[in-house]
């Protein structure tokens, strides 16, 4: 593996940790000045431009080159969060400031995410791409796991301002590493890639979108699994973000408590990802995916019933372990069943569900907590996630699905 690849991976890791710190610090800063509904609004604000502009971000990366776009967007993120750290340290910012930063950060993310994902073919040979993508998945797990505890430590020592400063420093480190990355020529497409290029040239963007959605809707395995995953994301994303902030505040766990719970969930998910790479085969993978979805949803819903922080951390580890197996099997089943000419559009729908649609449930979660309390809303989220298993179980191709790991 050449040095360019390691620089890119290190830059990506620093960016992911910075993302995790920024997100939790933003929610904590909002919680200090506003109620649960407003906290949900602030944390959901960034999802709107990310959802609306994500596809356009891919077009920009292709038009101007991924290196220029990823460096420019990383520089803007560093400057914005550094300025926010100064504002929070010197004054008590109004809610509108936090919303504005969330909107701007989400818009820049819509440029950064497609561009950073387009870099591997330009920095590694074709024979290394599988290994590079595997390392990228590992970095994502480690980055998502490391971010919350670091955020909790920084906020415990210096409040949200310190956490924002650390996040800005990590974005700056990512920028320096990306500046050192050198790109090779873009590999020429062939095979399935060539077929896709012909289809792209012959269809308008609107026609491509419609045909991709129709493909998903009519596929007996992909359609139910994506719908199941959507329900699960809608049911669990808000409890694992806004919900944990509000739960920690209600129970007196503090910022470090949030970091421990979120970090424990990420550690469990990372362990399950490693487990899936070691086993040669999962018998009846579709049925196992449905079962783990039920168990993982129950563990997340039960977090609000945990009497102490150690119990919540234990539930988070178990939930992350089971949910990691569930998510890994679902993604593997979808990708192996997808026609290569539709893989990009299927992947974009999955990404839209995770980063665009699910965060829009945050404000509703905050309002529901104000009306009914935190425990009933956590349990309702777990039940909605379990409904995804009903969708999967009702699909014959999902129930009978098998998956062999190469």
Protein backbone atom coordinates (compact mmCIF):
# COMPACT_ATOMS: atom_id res chain seq x y z
CA UNK A 1 0.00 0.00 0.00
CA UNK A 2 1.54 3.32 -1.06
CA UNK A 3 1.94 6.38 1.14
CA UNK A 4 -0.81 8.24 -0.70
CA UNK A 5 -3.34 5.68 0.49
CA UNK A 6 -2.18 5.94 4.11
CA UNK A 7 -2.33 9.75 3.96
CA UNK A 8 -5.88 9.58 2.61
CA UNK A 9 -6.94 7.08 5.28
CA UNK A 10 -5.39 9.20 8.05
CA UNK A 11 -7.10 12.33 6.69
CA UNK A 12 -10.42 10.50 6.51
CA UNK A 13 -10.00 9.22 10.08
CA UNK A 14 -9.23 12.71 11.42
CA UNK A 15 -12.26 14.08 9.60
CA UNK A 16 -14.56 11.39 11.00
CA UNK A 17 -13.42 11.98 14.57
CA UNK A 18 -13.88 15.71 14.04
CA UNK A 19 -17.39 15.09 12.73
CA UNK A 20 -18.33 13.11 15.84
CA UNK A 21 -16.94 15.77 18.18
CA UNK A 22 -18.67 18.61 16.32
CA UNK A 23 -22.05 16.86 16.30
CA UNK A 24 -22.15 16.11 20.03
CA UNK A 25 -20.76 19.53 20.95
CA UNK A 26 -23.43 21.19 18.80
CA UNK A 27 -26.19 19.28 20.57
CA UNK A 28 -24.75 20.00 24.01
CA UNK A 29 -24.42 23.72 23.24
CA UNK A 30 -28.05 23.77 22.09
CA UNK A 31 -29.20 21.89 25.20
CA UNK A 32 -27.64 24.56 27.43
CA UNK A 33 -29.75 27.33 25.90
CA UNK A 34 -32.96 25.67 24.63
CA UNK A 35 -35.53 22.93 25.26
CA UNK A 36 -35.70 19.40 23.78
CA UNK A 37 -37.64 20.45 20.68
CA UNK A 38 -35.08 23.16 19.85
CA UNK A 39 -32.19 20.73 20.41
CA UNK A 40 -33.75 18.39 17.86
CA UNK A 41 -34.16 21.29 15.43
CA UNK A 42 -30.50 22.29 15.67
CA UNK A 43 -29.24 18.73 15.23
CA UNK A 44 -31.56 18.07 12.28
CA UNK A 45 -30.75 21.32 10.48
CA UNK A 46 -27.57 20.02 8.88
CA UNK A 47 -29.41 17.05 7.38
CA UNK A 48 -31.56 19.26 5.13
CA UNK A 49 -28.80 20.69 2.88
CA UNK A 50 -26.93 17.38 3.03
CA UNK A 51 -30.00 15.56 1.70
CA UNK A 52 -30.82 18.19 -0.92
CA UNK A 53 -27.29 18.74 -2.22
CA UNK A 54 -25.63 15.32 -1.88
CA UNK A 55 -26.24 14.26 -5.49
CA UNK A 56 -25.15 17.69 -6.70
CA UNK A 57 -21.95 17.28 -4.69
CA UNK A 58 -21.05 14.27 -6.81
CA UNK A 59 -21.53 16.36 -9.97
CA UNK A 60 -19.27 19.10 -8.58
CA UNK A 61 -16.56 16.54 -7.72
CA UNK A 62 -16.64 15.17 -11.28
CA UNK A 63 -16.65 18.66 -12.83
CA UNK A 64 -13.82 20.26 -10.86
CA UNK A 65 -11.92 17.20 -9.64
CA UNK A 66 -12.30 15.46 -6.26
CA UNK A 67 -9.00 16.72 -4.83
CA UNK A 68 -9.86 20.41 -5.28
CA UNK A 69 -13.38 19.90 -3.90
CA UNK A 70 -12.31 17.84 -0.88
CA UNK A 71 -9.50 20.26 0.05
CA UNK A 72 -11.73 23.33 -0.37
CA UNK A 73 -14.61 21.87 1.62
CA UNK A 74 -12.27 20.67 4.40
CA UNK A 75 -10.76 24.15 4.65
CA UNK A 76 -14.22 25.72 4.96
CA UNK A 77 -15.24 23.22 7.65
CA UNK A 78 -12.09 23.97 9.65
CA UNK A 79 -12.64 27.74 9.44
CA UNK A 80 -16.35 27.58 10.31
CA UNK A 81 -15.92 25.36 13.39
CA UNK A 82 -12.91 27.34 14.60
CA UNK A 83 -14.98 30.52 14.37
CA UNK A 84 -17.82 28.79 16.25
CA UNK A 85 -15.40 27.76 19.01
CA UNK A 86 -14.37 31.40 19.42
CA UNK A 87 -17.99 32.59 19.50
CA UNK A 88 -19.01 29.98 22.10
CA UNK A 89 -15.95 30.79 24.25
CA UNK A 90 -16.54 34.55 24.21
CA UNK A 91 -20.34 34.74 24.39
CA UNK A 92 -23.52 32.72 24.67
CA UNK A 93 -24.65 32.23 21.07
CA UNK A 94 -28.32 32.39 20.19
CA UNK A 95 -30.12 29.43 18.72
CA UNK A 96 -30.01 31.03 15.26
CA UNK A 97 -26.19 30.92 15.29
CA UNK A 98 -26.17 27.18 15.95
CA UNK A 99 -28.80 26.57 13.26
CA UNK A 100 -26.84 28.66 10.74
CA UNK A 101 -23.63 26.73 11.46
CA UNK A 102 -25.48 23.41 11.16
CA UNK A 103 -26.94 24.45 7.78
CA UNK A 104 -23.57 25.62 6.46
CA UNK A 105 -21.77 22.54 7.75
CA UNK A 106 -24.39 20.29 6.14
CA UNK A 107 -24.00 22.05 2.78
CA UNK A 108 -20.22 21.69 2.88
CA UNK A 109 -20.58 18.04 3.91
CA UNK A 110 -22.64 17.46 0.76
CA UNK A 111 -19.54 18.45 -1.21
CA UNK A 112 -16.95 16.74 1.00
CA UNK A 113 -18.54 13.29 1.26
CA UNK A 114 -18.85 12.48 -2.49
CA UNK A 115 -15.41 13.96 -3.19
CA UNK A 116 -13.56 12.01 -0.49
CA UNK A 117 -15.27 8.82 -1.69
CA UNK A 118 -14.12 9.48 -5.27
CA UNK A 119 -10.41 9.62 -4.34
CA UNK A 120 -9.48 5.89 -3.92
CA UNK A 121 -9.40 5.05 -7.68
CA UNK A 122 -6.99 7.99 -8.14
CA UNK A 123 -4.57 7.02 -5.35
CA UNK A 124 -4.47 3.20 -5.53
CA UNK A 125 -4.09 0.64 -8.27
CA UNK A 126 -7.07 -1.50 -9.36
CA UNK A 127 -5.70 -4.49 -7.48
CA UNK A 128 -5.64 -2.52 -4.22
CA UNK A 129 -9.15 -1.08 -4.31
CA UNK A 130 -10.80 -3.92 -2.42
CA UNK A 131 -8.25 -3.64 0.38
CA UNK A 132 -8.54 0.16 0.41
CA UNK A 133 -12.32 0.00 0.77
CA UNK A 134 -11.95 -2.56 3.56
CA UNK A 135 -9.57 -0.26 5.40
CA UNK A 136 -11.98 2.60 4.83
CA UNK A 137 -14.74 0.64 6.57
CA UNK A 138 -12.45 -0.06 9.50
CA UNK A 139 -11.49 3.61 9.72
CA UNK A 140 -15.17 4.58 9.74
CA UNK A 141 -15.85 2.28 12.70
CA UNK A 142 -12.83 3.50 14.62
CA UNK A 143 -13.56 7.14 13.83
CA UNK A 144 -17.20 6.90 14.83
CA UNK A 145 -16.19 5.10 18.04
CA UNK A 146 -13.43 7.53 18.99
CA UNK A 147 -15.32 10.76 18.32
CA UNK A 148 -17.90 10.69 21.15
CA UNK A 149 -15.48 9.85 24.02
CA UNK A 150 -13.08 12.56 22.84
CA UNK A 151 -16.00 14.99 22.65
CA UNK A 152 -17.11 14.04 26.15
CA UNK A 153 -13.58 14.53 27.52
CA UNK A 154 -13.17 17.90 25.81
CA UNK A 155 -16.57 19.15 26.98
CA UNK A 156 -15.89 17.92 30.47
CA UNK A 157 -12.65 19.93 30.59
CA UNK A 158 -13.65 23.09 28.74
CA UNK A 159 -17.26 22.89 27.62
CA UNK A 160 -18.52 23.02 24.02
CA UNK A 161 -15.95 25.68 23.05
CA UNK A 162 -13.08 23.29 23.78
CA UNK A 163 -14.79 20.49 21.86
CA UNK A 164 -15.33 22.73 18.84
CA UNK A 165 -11.66 23.78 18.97
CA UNK A 166 -10.54 20.13 18.99
CA UNK A 167 -12.85 19.36 16.06
CA UNK A 168 -11.44 22.33 14.10
CA UNK A 169 -7.92 21.09 14.81
CA UNK A 170 -8.77 17.65 13.44
CA UNK A 171 -10.28 19.18 10.30
CA UNK A 172 -7.05 21.17 9.94
CA UNK A 173 -4.98 17.97 10.28
CA UNK A 174 -7.18 16.32 7.67
CA UNK A 175 -6.60 19.28 5.35
CA UNK A 176 -2.81 19.08 5.74
CA UNK A 177 -2.81 15.35 4.98
CA UNK A 178 -5.06 15.80 1.94
CA UNK A 179 -2.76 18.50 0.57
CA UNK A 180 0.01 15.88 0.59
CA UNK A 181 -2.07 13.36 -1.38
CA UNK A 182 -1.11 13.11 -5.05
CA UNK A 183 -3.56 11.74 -7.62
CA UNK A 184 -2.85 9.42 -10.51
CA UNK A 185 -4.87 9.28 -13.74
CA UNK A 186 -8.45 8.08 -13.48
CA UNK A 187 -8.67 4.39 -14.52
CA UNK A 188 -10.55 3.78 -17.75
CA UNK A 189 -13.90 2.06 -17.28
CA UNK A 190 -14.60 -1.36 -18.78
CA UNK A 191 -17.08 -4.14 -18.52
CA UNK A 192 -20.00 -3.17 -16.32
CA UNK A 193 -18.56 0.30 -15.95
CA UNK A 194 -18.69 0.79 -19.71
CA UNK A 195 -22.29 -0.39 -19.84
CA UNK A 196 -23.16 2.07 -17.12
CA UNK A 197 -21.44 4.89 -18.99
CA UNK A 198 -23.51 4.18 -22.11
CA UNK A 199 -26.71 4.11 -20.08
CA UNK A 200 -25.79 7.34 -18.31
CA UNK A 201 -25.13 9.05 -21.63
CA UNK A 202 -28.46 7.89 -23.04
CA UNK A 203 -30.69 8.84 -20.09
CA UNK A 204 -31.47 12.15 -18.50
CA UNK A 205 -30.77 12.47 -14.75
CA UNK A 206 -34.51 12.39 -14.07
CA UNK A 207 -34.90 9.19 -16.12
CA UNK A 208 -32.01 7.58 -14.26
CA UNK A 209 -33.56 8.43 -10.92
CA UNK A 210 -36.96 7.04 -11.90
CA UNK A 211 -35.53 3.81 -13.31
CA UNK A 212 -33.41 3.29 -10.19
CA UNK A 213 -36.36 3.80 -7.85
CA UNK A 214 -38.48 1.44 -9.96
CA UNK A 215 -35.73 -1.18 -9.82
CA UNK A 216 -35.61 -0.99 -6.03
CA UNK A 217 -39.39 -1.02 -5.66
CA UNK A 218 -39.89 -4.12 -7.81
CA UNK A 219 -36.93 -6.17 -6.55
CA UNK A 220 -38.08 -8.88 -4.14
CA UNK A 221 -34.95 -8.71 -1.95
CA UNK A 222 -33.56 -5.18 -2.29
CA UNK A 223 -36.87 -3.34 -1.92
CA UNK A 224 -37.92 -4.98 1.38
CA UNK A 225 -34.42 -4.71 2.87
CA UNK A 226 -34.16 -0.99 2.06
CA UNK A 227 -37.64 -0.35 3.47
CA UNK A 228 -36.73 -2.38 6.55
CA UNK A 229 -33.54 -0.37 6.98
CA UNK A 230 -35.43 2.89 6.55
CA UNK A 231 -37.84 2.00 9.37
CA UNK A 232 -34.93 0.96 11.56
CA UNK A 233 -33.05 4.22 10.89
CA UNK A 234 -36.15 6.29 11.64
CA UNK A 235 -36.71 4.40 14.88
CA UNK A 236 -33.14 4.38 16.24
CA UNK A 237 -31.25 7.41 14.88
CA UNK A 238 -33.04 9.96 17.07
CA UNK A 239 -32.74 7.91 20.31
CA UNK A 240 -29.01 7.36 19.69
CA UNK A 241 -28.37 11.08 19.12
CA UNK A 242 -30.93 13.54 20.52
CA UNK A 243 -32.26 10.89 22.91
CA UNK A 244 -28.90 10.21 24.55
CA UNK A 245 -28.30 13.93 25.06
CA UNK A 246 -31.66 14.36 26.76
CA UNK A 247 -31.30 11.10 28.72
CA UNK A 248 -27.86 12.10 30.04
CA UNK A 249 -29.16 15.51 31.05
CA UNK A 250 -32.17 13.98 32.85
CA UNK A 251 -30.11 11.32 34.66
CA UNK A 252 -27.18 13.61 35.47
CA UNK A 253 -24.63 11.55 33.52
CA UNK A 254 -23.03 14.65 31.97
CA UNK A 255 -21.09 14.92 28.68
CA UNK A 256 -18.71 12.10 29.60
CA UNK A 257 -21.69 9.79 30.14
CA UNK A 258 -22.89 10.50 26.60
CA UNK A 259 -19.43 9.70 25.31
CA UNK A 260 -19.31 6.39 27.17
CA UNK A 261 -22.69 5.21 25.89
CA UNK A 262 -22.15 6.24 22.27
CA UNK A 263 -18.59 4.94 22.33
CA UNK A 264 -19.77 1.61 23.76
CA UNK A 265 -22.32 1.26 20.95
CA UNK A 266 -19.63 1.99 18.36
CA UNK A 267 -17.24 -0.50 19.97
CA UNK A 268 -19.90 -3.20 19.80
CA UNK A 269 -20.58 -2.41 16.15
CA UNK A 270 -16.85 -2.49 15.33
CA UNK A 271 -16.51 -5.89 17.00
CA UNK A 272 -19.37 -7.30 14.96
CA UNK A 273 -17.84 -5.90 11.74
CA UNK A 274 -14.61 -7.74 12.55
CA UNK A 275 -16.57 -10.89 13.35
CA UNK A 276 -18.30 -10.81 9.96
CA UNK A 277 -14.91 -10.64 8.20
CA UNK A 278 -13.70 -13.77 9.99
CA UNK A 279 -16.63 -16.16 9.56
CA UNK A 280 -16.73 -18.02 6.21
CA UNK A 281 -20.51 -18.22 6.02
CA UNK A 282 -23.67 -17.12 7.84
CA UNK A 283 -26.39 -19.76 7.38
CA UNK A 284 -29.79 -18.27 6.48
CA UNK A 285 -28.38 -14.76 6.44
CA UNK A 286 -31.75 -13.14 5.70
CA UNK A 287 -33.42 -14.77 8.69
CA UNK A 288 -30.46 -13.91 10.94
CA UNK A 289 -30.64 -10.30 9.75
CA UNK A 290 -34.29 -10.08 10.77
CA UNK A 291 -33.65 -11.68 14.17
CA UNK A 292 -30.72 -9.39 14.99
CA UNK A 293 -32.82 -6.38 13.96
CA UNK A 294 -35.42 -7.33 16.58
CA UNK A 295 -32.83 -7.86 19.33
CA UNK A 296 -30.87 -4.72 18.49
CA UNK A 297 -34.02 -2.58 18.39
CA UNK A 298 -35.04 -3.89 21.82
CA UNK A 299 -31.60 -3.05 23.26
CA UNK A 300 -31.78 0.53 21.99
CA UNK A 301 -35.30 1.03 23.30
CA UNK A 302 -34.26 -0.33 26.69
CA UNK A 303 -31.54 2.31 27.12
CA UNK A 304 -34.12 4.67 28.63
CA UNK A 305 -34.94 2.02 31.27
CA UNK A 306 -31.31 1.61 32.41
CA UNK A 307 -31.13 2.53 36.12
CA UNK A 308 -27.42 3.45 36.06
CA UNK A 309 -24.78 4.55 33.57
CA UNK A 310 -22.87 1.21 33.67
CA UNK A 311 -26.08 -0.65 32.78
CA UNK A 312 -26.67 1.76 29.88
CA UNK A 313 -23.10 1.21 28.68
CA UNK A 314 -23.62 -2.57 28.81
CA UNK A 315 -26.85 -2.29 26.83
CA UNK A 316 -25.08 -0.07 24.30
CA UNK A 317 -22.29 -2.61 23.78
CA UNK A 318 -24.82 -5.42 23.26
CA UNK A 319 -26.98 -3.26 21.00
CA UNK A 320 -24.00 -2.19 18.89
CA UNK A 321 -22.79 -5.78 18.54
CA UNK A 322 -26.18 -7.07 17.37
CA UNK A 323 -27.00 -4.04 15.21
CA UNK A 324 -23.59 -4.26 13.55
CA UNK A 325 -24.31 -7.84 12.49
CA UNK A 326 -27.77 -6.79 11.29
CA UNK A 327 -26.47 -3.84 9.26
CA UNK A 328 -23.51 -5.75 7.84
CA UNK A 329 -25.70 -8.60 6.63
CA UNK A 330 -28.28 -6.21 5.16
CA UNK A 331 -25.71 -4.21 3.18
CA UNK A 332 -23.95 -7.38 1.97
CA UNK A 333 -27.23 -8.93 0.83
CA UNK A 334 -28.27 -5.76 -1.00
CA UNK A 335 -24.93 -5.26 -2.73
CA UNK A 336 -24.58 -8.87 -3.87
CA UNK A 337 -28.14 -8.85 -5.25
CA UNK A 338 -27.90 -5.53 -7.09
CA UNK A 339 -27.34 -5.41 -10.84
CA UNK A 340 -24.00 -3.57 -11.38
CA UNK A 341 -25.69 -0.97 -13.59
CA UNK A 342 -27.91 0.07 -10.66
CA UNK A 343 -25.36 -0.16 -7.83
CA UNK A 344 -24.73 3.58 -7.61
CA UNK A 345 -28.40 4.48 -7.43
CA UNK A 346 -29.16 1.76 -4.88
CA UNK A 347 -26.24 2.95 -2.74
CA UNK A 348 -27.42 6.57 -3.02
CA UNK A 349 -30.87 5.64 -1.74
CA UNK A 350 -29.30 3.84 1.22
CA UNK A 351 -27.10 6.86 1.97
CA UNK A 352 -30.03 9.25 1.64
CA UNK A 353 -31.94 7.22 4.22
CA UNK A 354 -29.06 7.38 6.71
CA UNK A 355 -27.84 10.97 6.35
CA UNK A 356 -30.84 12.73 4.86
CA UNK A 357 -34.11 11.16 5.96
CA UNK A 358 -33.43 9.71 9.41
CA UNK A 359 -32.11 12.96 10.99
CA UNK A 360 -35.36 14.71 10.07
CA UNK A 361 -36.97 12.67 12.88
CA UNK A 362 -34.92 14.57 15.49
CA UNK A 363 -37.37 17.48 15.96
CA UNK A 364 -40.33 15.08 16.23
CA UNK A 365 -38.43 13.08 18.84
CA UNK A 366 -37.75 16.21 20.89
CA UNK A 367 -41.39 17.30 20.76
CA UNK A 368 -42.54 13.80 21.72
CA UNK A 369 -40.21 13.80 24.74
CA UNK A 370 -41.71 17.08 25.90
CA UNK A 371 -45.21 15.62 25.60
CA UNK A 372 -44.80 12.07 26.94
CA UNK A 373 -41.40 11.77 28.60
CA UNK A 374 -38.19 10.15 27.45
CA UNK A 375 -38.79 6.45 28.29
CA UNK A 376 -42.03 5.99 26.25
CA UNK A 377 -40.47 7.70 23.23
CA UNK A 378 -37.35 5.51 23.38
CA UNK A 379 -39.56 2.41 23.52
CA UNK A 380 -41.68 3.68 20.61
CA UNK A 381 -38.50 4.17 18.56
CA UNK A 382 -37.44 0.61 19.29
CA UNK A 383 -40.88 -0.65 18.24
CA UNK A 384 -40.71 1.30 14.95
CA UNK A 385 -37.30 -0.23 14.27
CA UNK A 386 -38.71 -3.70 15.01
CA UNK A 387 -41.38 -3.06 12.36
CA UNK A 388 -38.55 -3.29 9.85
CA UNK A 389 -38.16 -6.95 10.79
CA UNK A 390 -41.84 -7.48 9.97
CA UNK A 391 -41.20 -6.09 6.48
CA UNK A 392 -38.21 -8.38 6.03
CA UNK A 393 -39.94 -11.46 7.37
CA UNK A 394 -42.93 -10.91 5.08
CA UNK A 395 -40.66 -11.03 1.98
CA UNK A 396 -39.95 -14.65 0.88
CA UNK A 397 -36.65 -13.75 -0.81
CA UNK A 398 -35.38 -12.10 2.36
CA UNK A 399 -36.39 -15.05 4.57
CA UNK A 400 -34.58 -17.51 2.26
CA UNK A 401 -31.58 -15.28 1.47
CA UNK A 402 -28.14 -16.85 1.81
CA UNK A 403 -24.78 -15.12 1.86
CA UNK A 404 -21.30 -16.60 1.49
CA UNK A 405 -18.25 -14.53 2.34
CA UNK A 406 -15.38 -14.84 -0.07
